[in-house]
Amino acid sequence: MQGDVLKDPDIRTLKANQLKYITIWNMGFQMIFLFLSLLCDMTLILKMKNEPKYIKYIRSYKDILFSAIVLPLTVIILILFWPLFTINRELVFPVFIDKAISLTSNHIMHTSILPIILIELFFNPKSRPQSHKWYLAHVAFIYVSYFAVIILNHAKTGTWPYPLVTLLYGTIYFPLLLFSIGVMYAVVYFAQWPITEYIHERNKSKSL
């Protein structure tokens, strides 16, 4: 965001808070995930006979990153953003943002994130981990980190990234919102395993 559009005070606030949007966090995590996926596929791309040992660790962490962060965040964003945008976009994506972010860019941030998780789910289904310890540690870290960032930012600037949060802050609905998102995150995380197992078993039966 640059140029005359920054003369708008709302756009200046948007730019100042851009790293406080969970969509931006999610896009960053997706880019890291895609980079790790590319590293894991280098042995095939370069036709290497022996896979370097470090690839095993990268692949293991890539799976944790996807299952604990990328998939849950993407699903939550899709579940929350588009229904709220349709009902009352002012709650999550006010009209003034159109001055800086086009409809195409909006879909890149809030729609194109879906194919990445679908491709990974259907073409690289994962087995349920024997222990959820590291996965849940990532879940808790992201949940606590994000809300800590936006709460500290509010304490410093008096602003929230989303008008919905501004509306609910100071009421009983604010802690309920935080709690509900935490529950939603946990539900999405645990729900993925029976789904991926079903896809995995279906793929195995087709290959027989």
C-alpha atoms as a PDB file:
ATOM      1  CA  MET A   1       0.000   0.000   0.000  1.00  0.00           C
ATOM      2  CA  GLN A   2       1.512   3.270  -1.120  1.00  0.00           C
ATOM      3  CA  GLY A   3       0.726   6.517  -2.908  1.00  0.00           C
ATOM      4  CA  ASP A   4      -2.336   8.732  -2.550  1.00  0.00           C
ATOM      5  CA  VAL A   5      -4.380   5.947  -0.992  1.00  0.00           C
ATOM      6  CA  LEU A   6      -2.353   6.418   2.213  1.00  0.00           C
ATOM      7  CA  LYS A   7      -3.897   9.868   2.617  1.00  0.00           C
ATOM      8  CA  ASP A   8      -6.977   8.038   3.882  1.00  0.00           C
ATOM      9  CA  PRO A   9      -6.619   7.651   7.693  1.00  0.00           C
ATOM     10  CA  ASP A  10      -8.465   4.318   7.607  1.00  0.00           C
ATOM     11  CA  ILE A  11      -5.992   2.968   5.051  1.00  0.00           C
ATOM     12  CA  ARG A  12      -3.068   4.182   7.155  1.00  0.00           C
ATOM     13  CA  THR A  13      -4.505   2.293  10.131  1.00  0.00           C
ATOM     14  CA  LEU A  14      -4.995  -0.758   7.914  1.00  0.00           C
ATOM     15  CA  LYS A  15      -1.351  -0.634   6.837  1.00  0.00           C
ATOM     16  CA  ALA A  16      -0.149  -0.194  10.410  1.00  0.00           C
ATOM     17  CA  ASN A  17      -2.161  -3.254  11.483  1.00  0.00           C
ATOM     18  CA  GLN A  18      -1.544  -5.438   8.427  1.00  0.00           C
ATOM     19  CA  LEU A  19       0.661  -7.896  10.326  1.00  0.00           C
ATOM     20  CA  LYS A  20      -2.081  -8.294  12.937  1.00  0.00           C
ATOM     21  CA  TYR A  21      -4.497  -9.979  10.515  1.00  0.00           C
ATOM     22  CA  ILE A  22      -4.724 -13.754  10.888  1.00  0.00           C
ATOM     23  CA  THR A  23      -5.075 -14.004   7.103  1.00  0.00           C
ATOM     24  CA  ILE A  24      -1.569 -12.572   6.714  1.00  0.00           C
ATOM     25  CA  TRP A  25      -0.236 -15.010   9.284  1.00  0.00           C
ATOM     26  CA  ASN A  26      -1.892 -17.876   7.453  1.00  0.00           C
ATOM     27  CA  MET A  27      -0.456 -16.838   4.093  1.00  0.00           C
ATOM     28  CA  GLY A  28       2.986 -16.710   5.691  1.00  0.00           C
ATOM     29  CA  PHE A  29       2.571 -20.210   7.126  1.00  0.00           C
ATOM     30  CA  GLN A  30       1.332 -21.493   3.767  1.00  0.00           C
ATOM     31  CA  MET A  31       4.397 -20.057   2.040  1.00  0.00           C
ATOM     32  CA  ILE A  32       6.684 -21.737   4.586  1.00  0.00           C
ATOM     33  CA  PHE A  33       4.791 -24.998   4.097  1.00  0.00           C
ATOM     34  CA  LEU A  34       5.121 -24.798   0.306  1.00  0.00           C
ATOM     35  CA  PHE A  35       8.839 -24.051   0.623  1.00  0.00           C
ATOM     36  CA  LEU A  36       9.350 -27.085   2.886  1.00  0.00           C
ATOM     37  CA  SER A  37       7.323 -29.206   0.459  1.00  0.00           C
ATOM     38  CA  LEU A  38       9.609 -28.110  -2.363  1.00  0.00           C
ATOM     39  CA  LEU A  39      12.681 -29.059  -0.319  1.00  0.00           C
ATOM     40  CA  CYS A  40      11.188 -32.496   0.348  1.00  0.00           C
ATOM     41  CA  ASP A  41      10.565 -33.002  -3.369  1.00  0.00           C
ATOM     42  CA  MET A  42      14.080 -31.989  -4.399  1.00  0.00           C
ATOM     43  CA  THR A  43      15.214 -35.603  -4.313  1.00  0.00           C
ATOM     44  CA  LEU A  44      12.645 -36.402  -7.000  1.00  0.00           C
ATOM     45  CA  ILE A  45      13.242 -33.223  -8.973  1.00  0.00           C
ATOM     46  CA  LEU A  46      17.017 -33.756  -8.993  1.00  0.00           C
ATOM     47  CA  LYS A  47      16.614 -37.533  -9.379  1.00  0.00           C
ATOM     48  CA  MET A  48      18.818 -38.198  -6.373  1.00  0.00           C
ATOM     49  CA  LYS A  49      19.386 -41.871  -5.597  1.00  0.00           C
ATOM     50  CA  ASN A  50      19.838 -41.395  -1.862  1.00  0.00           C
ATOM     51  CA  GLU A  51      17.688 -39.003   0.110  1.00  0.00           C
ATOM     52  CA  PRO A  52      19.704 -36.769   2.485  1.00  0.00           C
ATOM     53  CA  LYS A  53      19.013 -37.514   6.148  1.00  0.00           C
ATOM     54  CA  TYR A  54      17.877 -33.964   6.876  1.00  0.00           C
ATOM     55  CA  ILE A  55      14.973 -34.370   4.439  1.00  0.00           C
ATOM     56  CA  LYS A  56      13.363 -36.802   6.877  1.00  0.00           C
ATOM     57  CA  TYR A  57      13.320 -34.129   9.587  1.00  0.00           C
ATOM     58  CA  ILE A  58      12.052 -31.477   7.187  1.00  0.00           C
ATOM     59  CA  ARG A  59       9.252 -33.783   6.051  1.00  0.00           C
ATOM     60  CA  SER A  60       8.324 -34.571   9.645  1.00  0.00           C
ATOM     61  CA  TYR A  61       8.115 -30.892  10.568  1.00  0.00           C
ATOM     62  CA  LYS A  62       6.255 -30.080   7.349  1.00  0.00           C
ATOM     63  CA  ASP A  63       3.552 -32.531   8.398  1.00  0.00           C
ATOM     64  CA  ILE A  64       3.306 -30.941  11.843  1.00  0.00           C
ATOM     65  CA  LEU A  65       3.127 -27.463  10.316  1.00  0.00           C
ATOM     66  CA  PHE A  66       0.354 -28.512   7.959  1.00  0.00           C
ATOM     67  CA  SER A  67      -1.778 -30.443  10.434  1.00  0.00           C
ATOM     68  CA  ALA A  68      -1.369 -28.131  13.433  1.00  0.00           C
ATOM     69  CA  ILE A  69      -1.338 -24.720  11.755  1.00  0.00           C
ATOM     70  CA  VAL A  70      -1.963 -24.502   8.010  1.00  0.00           C
ATOM     71  CA  LEU A  71      -5.050 -26.715   7.781  1.00  0.00           C
ATOM     72  CA  PRO A  72      -6.851 -25.490  10.943  1.00  0.00           C
ATOM     73  CA  LEU A  73      -6.172 -21.805  10.254  1.00  0.00           C
ATOM     74  CA  THR A  74      -7.284 -22.101   6.640  1.00  0.00           C
ATOM     75  CA  VAL A  75     -10.513 -23.875   7.562  1.00  0.00           C
ATOM     76  CA  ILE A  76     -11.305 -21.382  10.345  1.00  0.00           C
ATOM     77  CA  ILE A  77     -10.683 -18.423   8.035  1.00  0.00           C
ATOM     78  CA  LEU A  78     -12.959 -19.904   5.385  1.00  0.00           C
ATOM     79  CA  ILE A  79     -15.669 -20.735   7.939  1.00  0.00           C
ATOM     80  CA  LEU A  80     -15.631 -17.281   9.535  1.00  0.00           C
ATOM     81  CA  PHE A  81     -14.655 -14.830   6.818  1.00  0.00           C
ATOM     82  CA  TRP A  82     -16.995 -15.526   3.918  1.00  0.00           C
ATOM     83  CA  PRO A  83     -20.232 -15.935   5.932  1.00  0.00           C
ATOM     84  CA  LEU A  84     -19.482 -12.718   7.864  1.00  0.00           C
ATOM     85  CA  PHE A  85     -18.443 -10.960   4.657  1.00  0.00           C
ATOM     86  CA  THR A  86     -21.739 -11.985   3.054  1.00  0.00           C
ATOM     87  CA  ILE A  87     -23.909 -11.020   6.037  1.00  0.00           C
ATOM     88  CA  ASN A  88     -22.145  -7.771   6.944  1.00  0.00           C
ATOM     89  CA  ARG A  89     -18.732  -7.192   5.438  1.00  0.00           C
ATOM     90  CA  GLU A  90     -18.166  -4.191   7.715  1.00  0.00           C
ATOM     91  CA  LEU A  91     -17.459  -6.665  10.524  1.00  0.00           C
ATOM     92  CA  VAL A  92     -14.387  -8.184   8.849  1.00  0.00           C
ATOM     93  CA  PHE A  93     -13.557  -6.370   5.592  1.00  0.00           C
ATOM     94  CA  PRO A  94     -14.965  -2.819   5.555  1.00  0.00           C
ATOM     95  CA  VAL A  95     -15.728  -1.166   2.219  1.00  0.00           C
ATOM     96  CA  PHE A  96     -12.875   1.332   2.584  1.00  0.00           C
ATOM     97  CA  ILE A  97     -10.392  -1.552   2.211  1.00  0.00           C
ATOM     98  CA  ASP A  98     -11.436  -1.814  -1.450  1.00  0.00           C
ATOM     99  CA  LYS A  99      -9.394   1.356  -2.027  1.00  0.00           C
ATOM    100  CA  ALA A 100      -6.220  -0.604  -1.246  1.00  0.00           C
ATOM    101  CA  ILE A 101      -7.099  -4.266  -1.808  1.00  0.00           C
ATOM    102  CA  SER A 102      -8.877  -5.365  -4.975  1.00  0.00           C
ATOM    103  CA  LEU A 103     -11.504  -8.104  -5.189  1.00  0.00           C
ATOM    104  CA  THR A 104      -8.891 -10.329  -6.851  1.00  0.00           C
ATOM    105  CA  SER A 105      -6.462  -9.801  -3.977  1.00  0.00           C
ATOM    106  CA  ASN A 106      -9.266 -10.514  -1.522  1.00  0.00           C
ATOM    107  CA  HIS A 107      -9.897 -13.881  -3.179  1.00  0.00           C
ATOM    108  CA  ILE A 108      -6.177 -14.644  -3.261  1.00  0.00           C
ATOM    109  CA  MET A 109      -6.056 -14.171   0.517  1.00  0.00           C
ATOM    110  CA  HIS A 110      -9.378 -15.778   1.432  1.00  0.00           C
ATOM    111  CA  THR A 111     -10.220 -18.265  -1.344  1.00  0.00           C
ATOM    112  CA  SER A 112      -7.044 -19.504  -3.039  1.00  0.00           C
ATOM    113  CA  ILE A 113      -5.860 -20.799   0.334  1.00  0.00           C
ATOM    114  CA  LEU A 114      -8.334 -23.679  -0.004  1.00  0.00           C
ATOM    115  CA  PRO A 115      -6.732 -25.583  -2.944  1.00  0.00           C
ATOM    116  CA  ILE A 116      -3.444 -25.900  -1.063  1.00  0.00           C
ATOM    117  CA  ILE A 117      -4.984 -27.867   1.791  1.00  0.00           C
ATOM    118  CA  LEU A 118      -7.208 -29.918  -0.533  1.00  0.00           C
ATOM    119  CA  ILE A 119      -4.249 -30.974  -2.683  1.00  0.00           C
ATOM    120  CA  GLU A 120      -2.286 -31.972   0.395  1.00  0.00           C
ATOM    121  CA  LEU A 121      -5.246 -33.841   1.896  1.00  0.00           C
ATOM    122  CA  PHE A 122      -6.087 -35.848  -1.204  1.00  0.00           C
ATOM    123  CA  PHE A 123      -2.631 -36.494  -2.617  1.00  0.00           C
ATOM    124  CA  ASN A 124      -0.589 -36.759   0.558  1.00  0.00           C
ATOM    125  CA  PRO A 125      -2.932 -38.017   3.298  1.00  0.00           C
ATOM    126  CA  LYS A 126      -1.303 -38.440   6.691  1.00  0.00           C
ATOM    127  CA  SER A 127      -1.622 -41.104   9.331  1.00  0.00           C
ATOM    128  CA  ARG A 128      -2.891 -40.167  12.768  1.00  0.00           C
ATOM    129  CA  PRO A 129       0.169 -39.395  14.937  1.00  0.00           C
ATOM    130  CA  GLN A 130       0.929 -41.731  17.825  1.00  0.00           C
ATOM    131  CA  SER A 131       1.309 -38.659  20.007  1.00  0.00           C
ATOM    132  CA  HIS A 132      -0.376 -35.296  19.526  1.00  0.00           C
ATOM    133  CA  LYS A 133       2.078 -33.580  21.896  1.00  0.00           C
ATOM    134  CA  TRP A 134       4.077 -31.589  19.351  1.00  0.00           C
ATOM    135  CA  TYR A 135       1.036 -30.877  17.234  1.00  0.00           C
ATOM    136  CA  LEU A 136      -0.949 -29.493  20.150  1.00  0.00           C
ATOM    137  CA  ALA A 137       2.079 -27.498  21.291  1.00  0.00           C
ATOM    138  CA  HIS A 138       1.994 -25.731  17.911  1.00  0.00           C
ATOM    139  CA  VAL A 139      -1.776 -25.263  18.163  1.00  0.00           C
ATOM    140  CA  ALA A 140      -1.437 -23.665  21.601  1.00  0.00           C
ATOM    141  CA  PHE A 141       1.539 -21.542  20.552  1.00  0.00           C
ATOM    142  CA  ILE A 142      -0.233 -20.040  17.536  1.00  0.00           C
ATOM    143  CA  TYR A 143      -3.486 -19.460  19.428  1.00  0.00           C
ATOM    144  CA  VAL A 144      -1.789 -17.744  22.380  1.00  0.00           C
ATOM    145  CA  SER A 145       0.694 -15.841  20.196  1.00  0.00           C
ATOM    146  CA  TYR A 146      -1.918 -14.371  17.872  1.00  0.00           C
ATOM    147  CA  PHE A 147      -4.240 -13.140  20.583  1.00  0.00           C
ATOM    148  CA  ALA A 148      -1.300 -11.873  22.639  1.00  0.00           C
ATOM    149  CA  VAL A 149      -0.145  -9.838  19.632  1.00  0.00           C
ATOM    150  CA  ILE A 150      -3.512  -8.214  18.942  1.00  0.00           C
ATOM    151  CA  ILE A 151      -4.252  -7.595  22.642  1.00  0.00           C
ATOM    152  CA  LEU A 152      -0.843  -5.962  23.158  1.00  0.00           C
ATOM    153  CA  ASN A 153      -1.353  -3.969  19.969  1.00  0.00           C
ATOM    154  CA  HIS A 154      -4.702  -2.743  21.300  1.00  0.00           C
ATOM    155  CA  ALA A 155      -3.071  -1.746  24.587  1.00  0.00           C
ATOM    156  CA  LYS A 156      -0.505   0.248  22.610  1.00  0.00           C
ATOM    157  CA  THR A 157      -2.604   1.762  19.803  1.00  0.00           C
ATOM    158  CA  GLY A 158      -6.210   1.389  20.938  1.00  0.00           C
ATOM    159  CA  THR A 159      -7.121  -0.413  17.706  1.00  0.00           C
ATOM    160  CA  TRP A 160      -8.169  -3.934  16.749  1.00  0.00           C
ATOM    161  CA  PRO A 161      -7.540  -5.447  13.300  1.00  0.00           C
ATOM    162  CA  TYR A 162     -11.188  -6.471  12.888  1.00  0.00           C
ATOM    163  CA  PRO A 163     -14.261  -4.252  13.487  1.00  0.00           C
ATOM    164  CA  LEU A 164     -16.036  -7.316  14.909  1.00  0.00           C
ATOM    165  CA  VAL A 165     -13.508  -7.459  17.746  1.00  0.00           C
ATOM    166  CA  THR A 166     -13.886  -3.705  18.301  1.00  0.00           C
ATOM    167  CA  LEU A 167     -17.640  -4.225  18.600  1.00  0.00           C
ATOM    168  CA  LEU A 168     -17.337  -7.082  21.097  1.00  0.00           C
ATOM    169  CA  TYR A 169     -14.471  -5.760  23.214  1.00  0.00           C
ATOM    170  CA  GLY A 170     -15.605  -4.743  26.680  1.00  0.00           C
ATOM    171  CA  THR A 171     -18.581  -7.103  26.651  1.00  0.00           C
ATOM    172  CA  ILE A 172     -19.048 -10.707  27.763  1.00  0.00           C
ATOM    173  CA  TYR A 173     -18.954 -11.642  24.090  1.00  0.00           C
ATOM    174  CA  PHE A 174     -15.252 -10.801  23.788  1.00  0.00           C
ATOM    175  CA  PRO A 175     -13.988 -13.664  26.004  1.00  0.00           C
ATOM    176  CA  LEU A 176     -16.686 -15.863  24.469  1.00  0.00           C
ATOM    177  CA  LEU A 177     -15.239 -15.056  21.044  1.00  0.00           C
ATOM    178  CA  LEU A 178     -11.734 -16.044  22.165  1.00  0.00           C
ATOM    179  CA  PHE A 179     -13.067 -19.230  23.746  1.00  0.00           C
ATOM    180  CA  SER A 180     -15.182 -20.116  20.707  1.00  0.00           C
ATOM    181  CA  ILE A 181     -12.264 -19.718  18.323  1.00  0.00           C
ATOM    182  CA  GLY A 182     -10.129 -21.917  20.580  1.00  0.00           C
ATOM    183  CA  VAL A 183     -12.824 -24.601  20.577  1.00  0.00           C
ATOM    184  CA  MET A 184     -13.191 -24.294  16.811  1.00  0.00           C
ATOM    185  CA  TYR A 185      -9.425 -24.660  16.370  1.00  0.00           C
ATOM    186  CA  ALA A 186      -9.417 -27.836  18.494  1.00  0.00           C
ATOM    187  CA  VAL A 187     -12.424 -29.301  16.671  1.00  0.00           C
ATOM    188  CA  VAL A 188     -10.890 -28.687  13.242  1.00  0.00           C
ATOM    189  CA  TYR A 189      -7.554 -30.118  14.364  1.00  0.00           C
ATOM    190  CA  PHE A 190      -8.999 -33.373  15.715  1.00  0.00           C
ATOM    191  CA  ALA A 191     -11.594 -33.723  12.931  1.00  0.00           C
ATOM    192  CA  GLN A 192      -8.906 -33.866  10.264  1.00  0.00           C
ATOM    193  CA  TRP A 193      -7.625 -37.260  11.380  1.00  0.00           C
ATOM    194  CA  PRO A 194     -10.699 -39.418  10.641  1.00  0.00           C
ATOM    195  CA  ILE A 195     -11.076 -37.506   7.370  1.00  0.00           C
ATOM    196  CA  THR A 196      -7.472 -38.110   6.313  1.00  0.00           C
ATOM    197  CA  GLU A 197      -7.699 -41.754   7.370  1.00  0.00           C
ATOM    198  CA  TYR A 198     -10.804 -42.174   5.223  1.00  0.00           C
ATOM    199  CA  ILE A 199      -9.056 -40.588   2.240  1.00  0.00           C
ATOM    200  CA  HIS A 200      -5.942 -42.694   2.834  1.00  0.00           C
ATOM    201  CA  GLU A 201      -7.939 -45.936   3.021  1.00  0.00           C
ATOM    202  CA  ARG A 202      -9.918 -44.992  -0.078  1.00  0.00           C
ATOM    203  CA  ASN A 203      -6.730 -44.299  -2.027  1.00  0.00           C
ATOM    204  CA  LYS A 204      -5.280 -47.632  -0.907  1.00  0.00           C
ATOM    205  CA  SER A 205      -8.401 -49.539  -1.983  1.00  0.00           C
ATOM    206  CA  LYS A 206      -8.310 -47.889  -5.410  1.00  0.00           C
ATOM    207  CA  SER A 207      -4.688 -48.893  -5.902  1.00  0.00           C
ATOM    208  CA  LEU A 208      -5.430 -52.577  -5.241  1.00  0.00           C
END
